[in-house]
Amino acid sequence: MRVVFMGTPDFSVPVLDALVDAGHEVVAVYSQPPRPAGRGKKDRPSPVQARAEALGLQVRHPVTLKGADDQSAFAALNADVAVVVAYGLILPQVVLDMPARGCLNIHASLLPRWRGAAPIHRAIMAGDPETGVCIMQMEAGLDTGPVLLREAIDIGFDETTGGLHDRLSKLGAASVVTALDQLDGLMPLPQSGDGVTYAAKIDKAEARVDWAAPAAVVDRQIRGLSPFPGAWCMVGDERVKLLGSRVGNGSGTPGDVIDGFEIACGSGSVIVTRVQRAGKKAMEAGAALQGLDLGARLA
């Protein structure tokens, strides 16, 4: 098929590769414009733009798709279908209607659960036992379109958002290739009005650990916010990110250091397995303890 691909972050890159490998003609790639990044604050292309250019594909990054010129340029591509994954712009209805077979979105949740911006983080933080990807026909609403294909996977007991992100990215890539191959035979299923939840964008104010919360909640917070923005606590006067954990069997006053990096919570305990000190790379908790004195309790 003649495909327009629309995506921006790392999550989207395997999907672009899968479309090319499957033999589809990617007639244009749309991605967010380069943004200042790094210490020098120089404009850096998005991961999708960098990969598309390496593949020799045409890249466009309009600030909006509401203007007549940008809409005409999109229409002139004569696409059979648009594949959209974490693009970052709202597509007006006139654009959604342009490809002959419509616009397909890859969403990293089992819709209608976790519509919105941060479905992977929210699934882990909520303690969901499973998640997955949906290939959805796009419409004007936020992740409300009918679902063509749904693939579920279990969430590991110690899985972080970073690890689950990578698994879902690969699953989404394989699923959308399957959906395009079977497009004529797939039946769009309207989403149920029951069980709708919204995955609000992660606020950094959610990242400080409250040791008075139950161990299961603290564990899910640590794993759900890893690697970004990273749950954190104070170790003496130092702010330390907590990037991996599992639930322990200990007990004590919330914040008490039980043994090693096992910390008492409001009920139960959490064993921190991976941390990042200020200005240093992430490391296993055991290695961090060689130079980090936890003291008697954490704040």
C-alpha atoms as a PDB file:
ATOM      1  CA  MET A   1       0.000   0.000   0.000  1.00  0.00           C
ATOM      2  CA  ARG A   2       0.915   3.656  -0.298  1.00  0.00           C
ATOM      3  CA  VAL A   3       1.378   4.587   3.354  1.00  0.00           C
ATOM      4  CA  VAL A   4       1.814   7.910   5.117  1.00  0.00           C
ATOM      5  CA  PHE A   5       3.553   7.293   8.440  1.00  0.00           C
ATOM      6  CA  MET A   6       3.039   9.721  11.306  1.00  0.00           C
ATOM      7  CA  GLY A   7       5.049   9.339  14.510  1.00  0.00           C
ATOM      8  CA  THR A   8       7.665  11.038  16.647  1.00  0.00           C
ATOM      9  CA  PRO A   9       9.323   9.229  19.618  1.00  0.00           C
ATOM     10  CA  ASP A  10      11.372   6.044  19.987  1.00  0.00           C
ATOM     11  CA  PHE A  11       8.172   4.043  20.445  1.00  0.00           C
ATOM     12  CA  SER A  12       7.236   4.737  16.816  1.00  0.00           C
ATOM     13  CA  VAL A  13      10.531   3.750  15.157  1.00  0.00           C
ATOM     14  CA  PRO A  14      10.026  -0.059  15.080  1.00  0.00           C
ATOM     15  CA  VAL A  15       6.654   0.525  13.426  1.00  0.00           C
ATOM     16  CA  LEU A  16       8.251   2.510  10.604  1.00  0.00           C
ATOM     17  CA  ASP A  17      10.865  -0.201  10.134  1.00  0.00           C
ATOM     18  CA  ALA A  18       8.186  -2.906  10.058  1.00  0.00           C
ATOM     19  CA  LEU A  19       6.184  -1.099   7.368  1.00  0.00           C
ATOM     20  CA  VAL A  20       9.268  -0.737   5.177  1.00  0.00           C
ATOM     21  CA  ASP A  21      10.345  -4.347   5.773  1.00  0.00           C
ATOM     22  CA  ALA A  22       6.845  -5.551   4.844  1.00  0.00           C
ATOM     23  CA  GLY A  23       7.187  -3.929   1.439  1.00  0.00           C
ATOM     24  CA  HIS A  24       4.765  -1.043   1.835  1.00  0.00           C
ATOM     25  CA  GLU A  25       5.578   2.164  -0.004  1.00  0.00           C
ATOM     26  CA  VAL A  26       6.035   4.849   2.652  1.00  0.00           C
ATOM     27  CA  VAL A  27       5.346   7.935   0.559  1.00  0.00           C
ATOM     28  CA  ALA A  28       6.011  10.427   3.367  1.00  0.00           C
ATOM     29  CA  VAL A  29       6.846  10.519   7.060  1.00  0.00           C
ATOM     30  CA  TYR A  30       5.304  13.143   9.322  1.00  0.00           C
ATOM     31  CA  SER A  31       7.008  13.900  12.622  1.00  0.00           C
ATOM     32  CA  GLN A  32       7.253  16.704  15.163  1.00  0.00           C
ATOM     33  CA  PRO A  33       9.779  19.428  14.261  1.00  0.00           C
ATOM     34  CA  PRO A  34      13.331  19.256  15.663  1.00  0.00           C
ATOM     35  CA  ARG A  35      13.487  20.564  19.224  1.00  0.00           C
ATOM     36  CA  PRO A  36      16.345  21.952  21.373  1.00  0.00           C
ATOM     37  CA  ALA A  37      17.984  19.130  23.328  1.00  0.00           C
ATOM     38  CA  GLY A  38      21.183  18.287  25.171  1.00  0.00           C
ATOM     39  CA  ARG A  39      23.569  20.599  26.952  1.00  0.00           C
ATOM     40  CA  GLY A  40      24.037  22.804  23.915  1.00  0.00           C
ATOM     41  CA  LYS A  41      20.280  23.094  23.351  1.00  0.00           C
ATOM     42  CA  LYS A  42      20.773  22.533  19.643  1.00  0.00           C
ATOM     43  CA  ASP A  43      17.821  21.451  17.526  1.00  0.00           C
ATOM     44  CA  ARG A  44      17.656  17.670  17.462  1.00  0.00           C
ATOM     45  CA  PRO A  45      15.426  15.731  15.052  1.00  0.00           C
ATOM     46  CA  SER A  46      12.930  13.316  16.537  1.00  0.00           C
ATOM     47  CA  PRO A  47      13.851   9.611  16.590  1.00  0.00           C
ATOM     48  CA  VAL A  48      11.377   9.002  13.769  1.00  0.00           C
ATOM     49  CA  GLN A  49      12.820  11.785  11.616  1.00  0.00           C
ATOM     50  CA  ALA A  50      16.350  10.481  12.136  1.00  0.00           C
ATOM     51  CA  ARG A  51      15.327   6.947  11.194  1.00  0.00           C
ATOM     52  CA  ALA A  52      13.269   8.084   8.190  1.00  0.00           C
ATOM     53  CA  GLU A  53      16.166  10.110   6.816  1.00  0.00           C
ATOM     54  CA  ALA A  54      18.477   7.122   7.261  1.00  0.00           C
ATOM     55  CA  LEU A  55      15.994   5.113   5.186  1.00  0.00           C
ATOM     56  CA  GLY A  56      15.921   7.804   2.508  1.00  0.00           C
ATOM     57  CA  LEU A  57      12.288   8.716   3.142  1.00  0.00           C
ATOM     58  CA  GLN A  58      10.703  12.130   2.711  1.00  0.00           C
ATOM     59  CA  VAL A  59      10.095  13.818   6.086  1.00  0.00           C
ATOM     60  CA  ARG A  60       7.630  16.583   6.811  1.00  0.00           C
ATOM     61  CA  HIS A  61       7.062  18.330  10.128  1.00  0.00           C
ATOM     62  CA  PRO A  62       4.275  20.910   9.898  1.00  0.00           C
ATOM     63  CA  VAL A  63       3.450  22.783  13.078  1.00  0.00           C
ATOM     64  CA  THR A  64      -0.237  22.159  12.403  1.00  0.00           C
ATOM     65  CA  LEU A  65      -2.361  20.349   9.859  1.00  0.00           C
ATOM     66  CA  LYS A  66      -5.182  22.883   9.973  1.00  0.00           C
ATOM     67  CA  GLY A  67      -3.888  25.077   7.132  1.00  0.00           C
ATOM     68  CA  ALA A  68      -5.046  24.680   3.558  1.00  0.00           C
ATOM     69  CA  ASP A  69      -1.508  24.369   2.159  1.00  0.00           C
ATOM     70  CA  ASP A  70      -0.522  21.554   4.518  1.00  0.00           C
ATOM     71  CA  GLN A  71      -3.814  19.760   3.880  1.00  0.00           C
ATOM     72  CA  SER A  72      -3.344  20.042   0.114  1.00  0.00           C
ATOM     73  CA  ALA A  73       0.186  18.656   0.420  1.00  0.00           C
ATOM     74  CA  PHE A  74      -1.157  15.714   2.423  1.00  0.00           C
ATOM     75  CA  ALA A  75      -3.941  15.040  -0.088  1.00  0.00           C
ATOM     76  CA  ALA A  76      -1.462  15.126  -2.976  1.00  0.00           C
ATOM     77  CA  LEU A  77       0.273  12.039  -1.565  1.00  0.00           C
ATOM     78  CA  ASN A  78      -2.725   9.925  -2.678  1.00  0.00           C
ATOM     79  CA  ALA A  79      -2.166   7.567   0.229  1.00  0.00           C
ATOM     80  CA  ASP A  80      -4.069   4.330   0.619  1.00  0.00           C
ATOM     81  CA  VAL A  81      -3.734   4.567   4.399  1.00  0.00           C
ATOM     82  CA  ALA A  82      -2.062   6.607   7.137  1.00  0.00           C
ATOM     83  CA  VAL A  83      -0.470   4.809  10.092  1.00  0.00           C
ATOM     84  CA  VAL A  84      -0.276   6.999  13.179  1.00  0.00           C
ATOM     85  CA  VAL A  85       1.557   6.191  16.403  1.00  0.00           C
ATOM     86  CA  ALA A  86       2.481   8.763  19.059  1.00  0.00           C
ATOM     87  CA  TYR A  87       2.602  11.557  16.484  1.00  0.00           C
ATOM     88  CA  GLY A  88       1.751  14.479  18.754  1.00  0.00           C
ATOM     89  CA  LEU A  89      -0.641  16.478  16.561  1.00  0.00           C
ATOM     90  CA  ILE A  90      -4.423  16.282  16.391  1.00  0.00           C
ATOM     91  CA  LEU A  91      -5.551  15.361  12.877  1.00  0.00           C
ATOM     92  CA  PRO A  92      -8.541  17.388  11.632  1.00  0.00           C
ATOM     93  CA  GLN A  93     -11.431  15.374  10.247  1.00  0.00           C
ATOM     94  CA  VAL A  94     -10.651  16.526   6.717  1.00  0.00           C
ATOM     95  CA  VAL A  95      -7.182  14.936   7.021  1.00  0.00           C
ATOM     96  CA  LEU A  96      -8.575  11.759   8.588  1.00  0.00           C
ATOM     97  CA  ASP A  97     -10.818  11.401   5.549  1.00  0.00           C
ATOM     98  CA  MET A  98      -8.079  11.827   2.919  1.00  0.00           C
ATOM     99  CA  PRO A  99      -6.433   8.371   2.733  1.00  0.00           C
ATOM    100  CA  ALA A 100      -8.547   5.939   0.714  1.00  0.00           C
ATOM    101  CA  ARG A 101      -8.559   3.357   3.546  1.00  0.00           C
ATOM    102  CA  GLY A 102      -8.558   5.861   6.396  1.00  0.00           C
ATOM    103  CA  CYS A 103      -6.101   6.457   9.226  1.00  0.00           C
ATOM    104  CA  LEU A 104      -5.036   3.672  11.583  1.00  0.00           C
ATOM    105  CA  ASN A 105      -3.696   4.418  15.047  1.00  0.00           C
ATOM    106  CA  ILE A 106      -1.566   2.115  17.187  1.00  0.00           C
ATOM    107  CA  HIS A 107      -2.510   2.676  20.817  1.00  0.00           C
ATOM    108  CA  ALA A 108      -0.603   1.060  23.684  1.00  0.00           C
ATOM    109  CA  SER A 109      -3.501  -0.139  25.817  1.00  0.00           C
ATOM    110  CA  LEU A 110      -6.521  -2.407  25.673  1.00  0.00           C
ATOM    111  CA  LEU A 111      -9.095   0.201  24.744  1.00  0.00           C
ATOM    112  CA  PRO A 112     -11.309   1.628  26.109  1.00  0.00           C
ATOM    113  CA  ARG A 113      -8.998   1.359  29.144  1.00  0.00           C
ATOM    114  CA  TRP A 114      -6.310   4.035  29.230  1.00  0.00           C
ATOM    115  CA  ARG A 115      -7.220   6.372  26.443  1.00  0.00           C
ATOM    116  CA  GLY A 116      -4.882   9.345  26.347  1.00  0.00           C
ATOM    117  CA  ALA A 117      -1.257  10.337  26.747  1.00  0.00           C
ATOM    118  CA  ALA A 118       0.396   7.911  29.195  1.00  0.00           C
ATOM    119  CA  PRO A 119      -1.226   4.468  28.914  1.00  0.00           C
ATOM    120  CA  ILE A 120       1.926   2.458  29.702  1.00  0.00           C
ATOM    121  CA  HIS A 121       2.763   4.385  32.867  1.00  0.00           C
ATOM    122  CA  ARG A 122      -0.831   4.278  34.073  1.00  0.00           C
ATOM    123  CA  ALA A 123      -1.302   0.567  33.479  1.00  0.00           C
ATOM    124  CA  ILE A 124       1.676  -0.277  35.703  1.00  0.00           C
ATOM    125  CA  MET A 125       0.820   2.319  38.345  1.00  0.00           C
ATOM    126  CA  ALA A 126      -2.741   0.995  38.559  1.00  0.00           C
ATOM    127  CA  GLY A 127      -1.554  -2.587  39.002  1.00  0.00           C
ATOM    128  CA  ASP A 128      -3.174  -3.892  35.817  1.00  0.00           C
ATOM    129  CA  PRO A 129      -2.288  -7.565  35.256  1.00  0.00           C
ATOM    130  CA  GLU A 130      -2.229  -7.127  31.477  1.00  0.00           C
ATOM    131  CA  THR A 131      -2.128  -4.532  28.746  1.00  0.00           C
ATOM    132  CA  GLY A 132      -1.561  -4.625  24.998  1.00  0.00           C
ATOM    133  CA  VAL A 133      -2.004  -2.749  21.765  1.00  0.00           C
ATOM    134  CA  CYS A 134      -5.049  -1.868  19.709  1.00  0.00           C
ATOM    135  CA  ILE A 135      -5.097  -1.028  16.023  1.00  0.00           C
ATOM    136  CA  MET A 136      -7.868   1.522  15.810  1.00  0.00           C
ATOM    137  CA  GLN A 137      -9.631   3.391  13.036  1.00  0.00           C
ATOM    138  CA  MET A 138      -9.130   7.031  13.871  1.00  0.00           C
ATOM    139  CA  GLU A 139     -11.956   9.468  14.355  1.00  0.00           C
ATOM    140  CA  ALA A 140     -12.202  12.970  15.821  1.00  0.00           C
ATOM    141  CA  GLY A 141     -12.505  11.845  19.472  1.00  0.00           C
ATOM    142  CA  LEU A 142      -9.548  11.034  21.739  1.00  0.00           C
ATOM    143  CA  ASP A 143      -8.795   7.336  21.141  1.00  0.00           C
ATOM    144  CA  THR A 144     -12.497   6.621  20.650  1.00  0.00           C
ATOM    145  CA  GLY A 145     -12.466   4.929  17.238  1.00  0.00           C
ATOM    146  CA  PRO A 146     -13.505   1.355  16.480  1.00  0.00           C
ATOM    147  CA  VAL A 147     -10.866  -1.327  17.054  1.00  0.00           C
ATOM    148  CA  LEU A 148      -9.702  -3.520  14.170  1.00  0.00           C
ATOM    149  CA  LEU A 149      -7.160  -5.662  16.017  1.00  0.00           C
ATOM    150  CA  ARG A 150      -6.336  -6.223  19.668  1.00  0.00           C
ATOM    151  CA  GLU A 151      -3.295  -8.010  21.129  1.00  0.00           C
ATOM    152  CA  ALA A 152      -2.888  -8.525  24.895  1.00  0.00           C
ATOM    153  CA  ILE A 153       0.243  -9.284  26.945  1.00  0.00           C
ATOM    154  CA  ASP A 154       0.837  -9.840  30.653  1.00  0.00           C
ATOM    155  CA  ILE A 155       2.649  -7.207  32.720  1.00  0.00           C
ATOM    156  CA  GLY A 156       5.600  -8.694  34.609  1.00  0.00           C
ATOM    157  CA  PHE A 157       5.658  -8.441  38.411  1.00  0.00           C
ATOM    158  CA  ASP A 158       8.882  -6.390  38.308  1.00  0.00           C
ATOM    159  CA  GLU A 159       8.405  -4.755  34.900  1.00  0.00           C
ATOM    160  CA  THR A 160       9.104  -1.061  34.415  1.00  0.00           C
ATOM    161  CA  THR A 161       7.517   1.347  31.989  1.00  0.00           C
ATOM    162  CA  GLY A 162      10.781   1.302  30.014  1.00  0.00           C
ATOM    163  CA  GLY A 163      10.712  -2.459  29.524  1.00  0.00           C
ATOM    164  CA  LEU A 164       6.997  -2.601  28.790  1.00  0.00           C
ATOM    165  CA  HIS A 165       7.366   0.317  26.352  1.00  0.00           C
ATOM    166  CA  ASP A 166       9.856  -1.677  24.285  1.00  0.00           C
ATOM    167  CA  ARG A 167       7.711  -4.827  24.256  1.00  0.00           C
ATOM    168  CA  LEU A 168       4.588  -2.921  23.232  1.00  0.00           C
ATOM    169  CA  SER A 169       6.462  -1.046  20.512  1.00  0.00           C
ATOM    170  CA  LYS A 170       7.491  -4.342  18.887  1.00  0.00           C
ATOM    171  CA  LEU A 171       3.999  -5.761  19.357  1.00  0.00           C
ATOM    172  CA  GLY A 172       2.443  -2.682  17.759  1.00  0.00           C
ATOM    173  CA  ALA A 173       4.790  -2.947  14.792  1.00  0.00           C
ATOM    174  CA  ALA A 174       3.876  -6.583  14.155  1.00  0.00           C
ATOM    175  CA  SER A 175       0.169  -5.934  14.741  1.00  0.00           C
ATOM    176  CA  VAL A 176      -0.174  -3.066  12.282  1.00  0.00           C
ATOM    177  CA  VAL A 177       1.530  -5.095   9.534  1.00  0.00           C
ATOM    178  CA  THR A 178      -0.964  -7.883  10.233  1.00  0.00           C
ATOM    179  CA  ALA A 179      -3.841  -5.402  10.168  1.00  0.00           C
ATOM    180  CA  LEU A 180      -2.780  -4.007   6.792  1.00  0.00           C
ATOM    181  CA  ASP A 181      -2.421  -7.511   5.359  1.00  0.00           C
ATOM    182  CA  GLN A 182      -5.910  -8.453   6.560  1.00  0.00           C
ATOM    183  CA  LEU A 183      -7.605  -5.072   6.224  1.00  0.00           C
ATOM    184  CA  ASP A 184     -10.354  -6.244   3.912  1.00  0.00           C
ATOM    185  CA  GLY A 185     -11.403  -8.989   6.332  1.00  0.00           C
ATOM    186  CA  LEU A 186     -11.211  -7.118   9.641  1.00  0.00           C
ATOM    187  CA  MET A 187     -14.444  -6.019  11.292  1.00  0.00           C
ATOM    188  CA  PRO A 188     -14.246  -2.658  13.102  1.00  0.00           C
ATOM    189  CA  LEU A 189     -15.628  -3.143  16.615  1.00  0.00           C
ATOM    190  CA  PRO A 190     -16.990  -0.026  18.347  1.00  0.00           C
ATOM    191  CA  GLN A 191     -15.486   0.543  21.782  1.00  0.00           C
ATOM    192  CA  SER A 192     -17.665  -0.177  24.785  1.00  0.00           C
ATOM    193  CA  GLY A 193     -18.858   2.755  26.843  1.00  0.00           C
ATOM    194  CA  ASP A 194     -18.061   0.743  29.965  1.00  0.00           C
ATOM    195  CA  GLY A 195     -14.594   0.621  31.487  1.00  0.00           C
ATOM    196  CA  VAL A 196     -13.377   3.864  29.946  1.00  0.00           C
ATOM    197  CA  THR A 197     -10.343   5.321  31.746  1.00  0.00           C
ATOM    198  CA  TYR A 198      -8.057   8.190  30.827  1.00  0.00           C
ATOM    199  CA  ALA A 199      -4.273   8.026  31.039  1.00  0.00           C
ATOM    200  CA  ALA A 200      -3.467  11.594  32.022  1.00  0.00           C
ATOM    201  CA  LYS A 201      -0.007  12.926  31.199  1.00  0.00           C
ATOM    202  CA  ILE A 202       2.463  12.201  33.979  1.00  0.00           C
ATOM    203  CA  ASP A 203       3.013  15.152  36.301  1.00  0.00           C
ATOM    204  CA  LYS A 204       6.396  15.396  38.009  1.00  0.00           C
ATOM    205  CA  ALA A 205       4.524  16.141  41.233  1.00  0.00           C
ATOM    206  CA  GLU A 206       3.505  12.462  41.235  1.00  0.00           C
ATOM    207  CA  ALA A 207       7.109  11.298  41.435  1.00  0.00           C
ATOM    208  CA  ARG A 208       8.031  11.761  45.118  1.00  0.00           C
ATOM    209  CA  VAL A 209       7.625   8.521  47.036  1.00  0.00           C
ATOM    210  CA  ASP A 210       5.322   8.501  50.045  1.00  0.00           C
ATOM    211  CA  TRP A 211       6.622   5.673  52.213  1.00  0.00           C
ATOM    212  CA  ALA A 212       3.376   5.748  54.222  1.00  0.00           C
ATOM    213  CA  ALA A 213       1.547   4.261  51.222  1.00  0.00           C
ATOM    214  CA  PRO A 214       1.139   0.470  51.000  1.00  0.00           C
ATOM    215  CA  ALA A 215       4.133  -1.397  49.595  1.00  0.00           C
ATOM    216  CA  ALA A 216       2.215  -2.453  46.472  1.00  0.00           C
ATOM    217  CA  VAL A 217       1.419   1.179  45.662  1.00  0.00           C
ATOM    218  CA  VAL A 218       5.011   2.337  46.193  1.00  0.00           C
ATOM    219  CA  ASP A 219       6.362  -0.537  44.084  1.00  0.00           C
ATOM    220  CA  ARG A 220       3.996   0.280  41.218  1.00  0.00           C
ATOM    221  CA  GLN A 221       4.896   3.974  41.445  1.00  0.00           C
ATOM    222  CA  ILE A 222       8.623   3.224  41.206  1.00  0.00           C
ATOM    223  CA  ARG A 223       8.244   0.830  38.281  1.00  0.00           C
ATOM    224  CA  GLY A 224       5.590   2.905  36.515  1.00  0.00           C
ATOM    225  CA  LEU A 225       7.705   6.065  36.553  1.00  0.00           C
ATOM    226  CA  SER A 226      10.914   4.326  35.427  1.00  0.00           C
ATOM    227  CA  PRO A 227      12.889   5.559  33.598  1.00  0.00           C
ATOM    228  CA  PHE A 228      11.052   8.872  33.229  1.00  0.00           C
ATOM    229  CA  PRO A 229      10.433  11.015  35.153  1.00  0.00           C
ATOM    230  CA  GLY A 230      11.716   8.643  37.857  1.00  0.00           C
ATOM    231  CA  ALA A 231      10.204   8.232  41.316  1.00  0.00           C
ATOM    232  CA  TRP A 232      12.470   9.744  43.966  1.00  0.00           C
ATOM    233  CA  CYS A 233      13.117  10.136  47.662  1.00  0.00           C
ATOM    234  CA  MET A 234      15.577  11.955  49.886  1.00  0.00           C
ATOM    235  CA  VAL A 235      18.565  10.074  51.236  1.00  0.00           C
ATOM    236  CA  GLY A 236      19.879  12.539  53.785  1.00  0.00           C
ATOM    237  CA  ASP A 237      20.291  15.742  51.794  1.00  0.00           C
ATOM    238  CA  GLU A 238      20.537  13.967  48.427  1.00  0.00           C
ATOM    239  CA  ARG A 239      17.666  13.393  46.030  1.00  0.00           C
ATOM    240  CA  VAL A 240      17.897   9.876  44.609  1.00  0.00           C
ATOM    241  CA  LYS A 241      15.821   8.400  41.774  1.00  0.00           C
ATOM    242  CA  LEU A 242      14.402   4.926  42.322  1.00  0.00           C
ATOM    243  CA  LEU A 243      14.165   3.064  39.010  1.00  0.00           C
ATOM    244  CA  GLY A 244      13.435  -0.550  39.914  1.00  0.00           C
ATOM    245  CA  SER A 245      11.788  -2.418  42.772  1.00  0.00           C
ATOM    246  CA  ARG A 246       9.824  -5.375  44.022  1.00  0.00           C
ATOM    247  CA  VAL A 247       7.608  -5.937  47.037  1.00  0.00           C
ATOM    248  CA  GLY A 248       9.404  -7.308  50.112  1.00  0.00           C
ATOM    249  CA  ASN A 249       8.288  -9.154  53.247  1.00  0.00           C
ATOM    250  CA  GLY A 250       9.524  -6.703  55.887  1.00  0.00           C
ATOM    251  CA  SER A 251       7.647  -4.271  58.084  1.00  0.00           C
ATOM    252  CA  GLY A 252       8.360  -1.221  60.204  1.00  0.00           C
ATOM    253  CA  THR A 253       7.737   2.486  60.504  1.00  0.00           C
ATOM    254  CA  PRO A 254       7.286   3.985  57.023  1.00  0.00           C
ATOM    255  CA  GLY A 255      10.656   5.028  55.640  1.00  0.00           C
ATOM    256  CA  ASP A 256      12.692   2.794  57.949  1.00  0.00           C
ATOM    257  CA  VAL A 257      15.685   1.104  56.307  1.00  0.00           C
ATOM    258  CA  ILE A 258      15.208  -2.596  57.094  1.00  0.00           C
ATOM    259  CA  ASP A 259      18.173  -4.167  55.354  1.00  0.00           C
ATOM    260  CA  GLY A 260      20.213  -3.042  52.377  1.00  0.00           C
ATOM    261  CA  PHE A 261      17.767  -1.102  50.204  1.00  0.00           C
ATOM    262  CA  GLU A 262      14.614  -2.668  51.661  1.00  0.00           C
ATOM    263  CA  ILE A 263      12.387   0.125  52.970  1.00  0.00           C
ATOM    264  CA  ALA A 264       9.358  -0.162  55.235  1.00  0.00           C
ATOM    265  CA  CYS A 265       6.085   1.215  53.875  1.00  0.00           C
ATOM    266  CA  GLY A 266       2.667   1.935  55.386  1.00  0.00           C
ATOM    267  CA  SER A 267       2.089  -1.795  55.085  1.00  0.00           C
ATOM    268  CA  GLY A 268       4.804  -4.216  54.009  1.00  0.00           C
ATOM    269  CA  SER A 269       8.084  -3.170  52.437  1.00  0.00           C
ATOM    270  CA  VAL A 270       9.696  -2.442  49.083  1.00  0.00           C
ATOM    271  CA  ILE A 271      13.092  -3.680  47.931  1.00  0.00           C
ATOM    272  CA  VAL A 272      14.663  -1.075  45.673  1.00  0.00           C
ATOM    273  CA  THR A 273      16.717  -2.768  42.942  1.00  0.00           C
ATOM    274  CA  ARG A 274      17.952   0.080  40.740  1.00  0.00           C
ATOM    275  CA  VAL A 275      18.729   3.725  41.505  1.00  0.00           C
ATOM    276  CA  GLN A 276      20.255   6.855  40.031  1.00  0.00           C
ATOM    277  CA  ARG A 277      22.144   9.398  42.105  1.00  0.00           C
ATOM    278  CA  ALA A 278      22.337  13.043  41.036  1.00  0.00           C
ATOM    279  CA  GLY A 279      24.788  13.519  38.190  1.00  0.00           C
ATOM    280  CA  LYS A 280      25.502   9.798  37.858  1.00  0.00           C
ATOM    281  CA  LYS A 281      24.331   6.942  35.671  1.00  0.00           C
ATOM    282  CA  ALA A 282      21.660   4.506  36.791  1.00  0.00           C
ATOM    283  CA  MET A 283      23.070   1.517  38.665  1.00  0.00           C
ATOM    284  CA  GLU A 284      22.020  -1.558  40.579  1.00  0.00           C
ATOM    285  CA  ALA A 285      21.054  -0.762  44.163  1.00  0.00           C
ATOM    286  CA  GLY A 286      23.793  -2.985  45.584  1.00  0.00           C
ATOM    287  CA  ALA A 287      26.458  -1.006  43.725  1.00  0.00           C
ATOM    288  CA  ALA A 288      24.941   2.292  44.858  1.00  0.00           C
ATOM    289  CA  LEU A 289      25.102   1.226  48.505  1.00  0.00           C
ATOM    290  CA  GLN A 290      28.897   1.070  48.301  1.00  0.00           C
ATOM    291  CA  GLY A 291      28.982   4.850  48.234  1.00  0.00           C
ATOM    292  CA  LEU A 292      25.589   5.858  49.604  1.00  0.00           C
ATOM    293  CA  ASP A 293      24.769   5.835  53.314  1.00  0.00           C
ATOM    294  CA  LEU A 294      21.013   5.366  53.682  1.00  0.00           C
ATOM    295  CA  GLY A 295      21.065   6.016  57.402  1.00  0.00           C
ATOM    296  CA  ALA A 296      18.209   4.748  59.517  1.00  0.00           C
ATOM    297  CA  ARG A 297      15.311   6.023  57.414  1.00  0.00           C
ATOM    298  CA  LEU A 298      14.419   7.736  54.151  1.00  0.00           C
ATOM    299  CA  ALA A 299      12.211  10.743  53.547  1.00  0.00           C
END
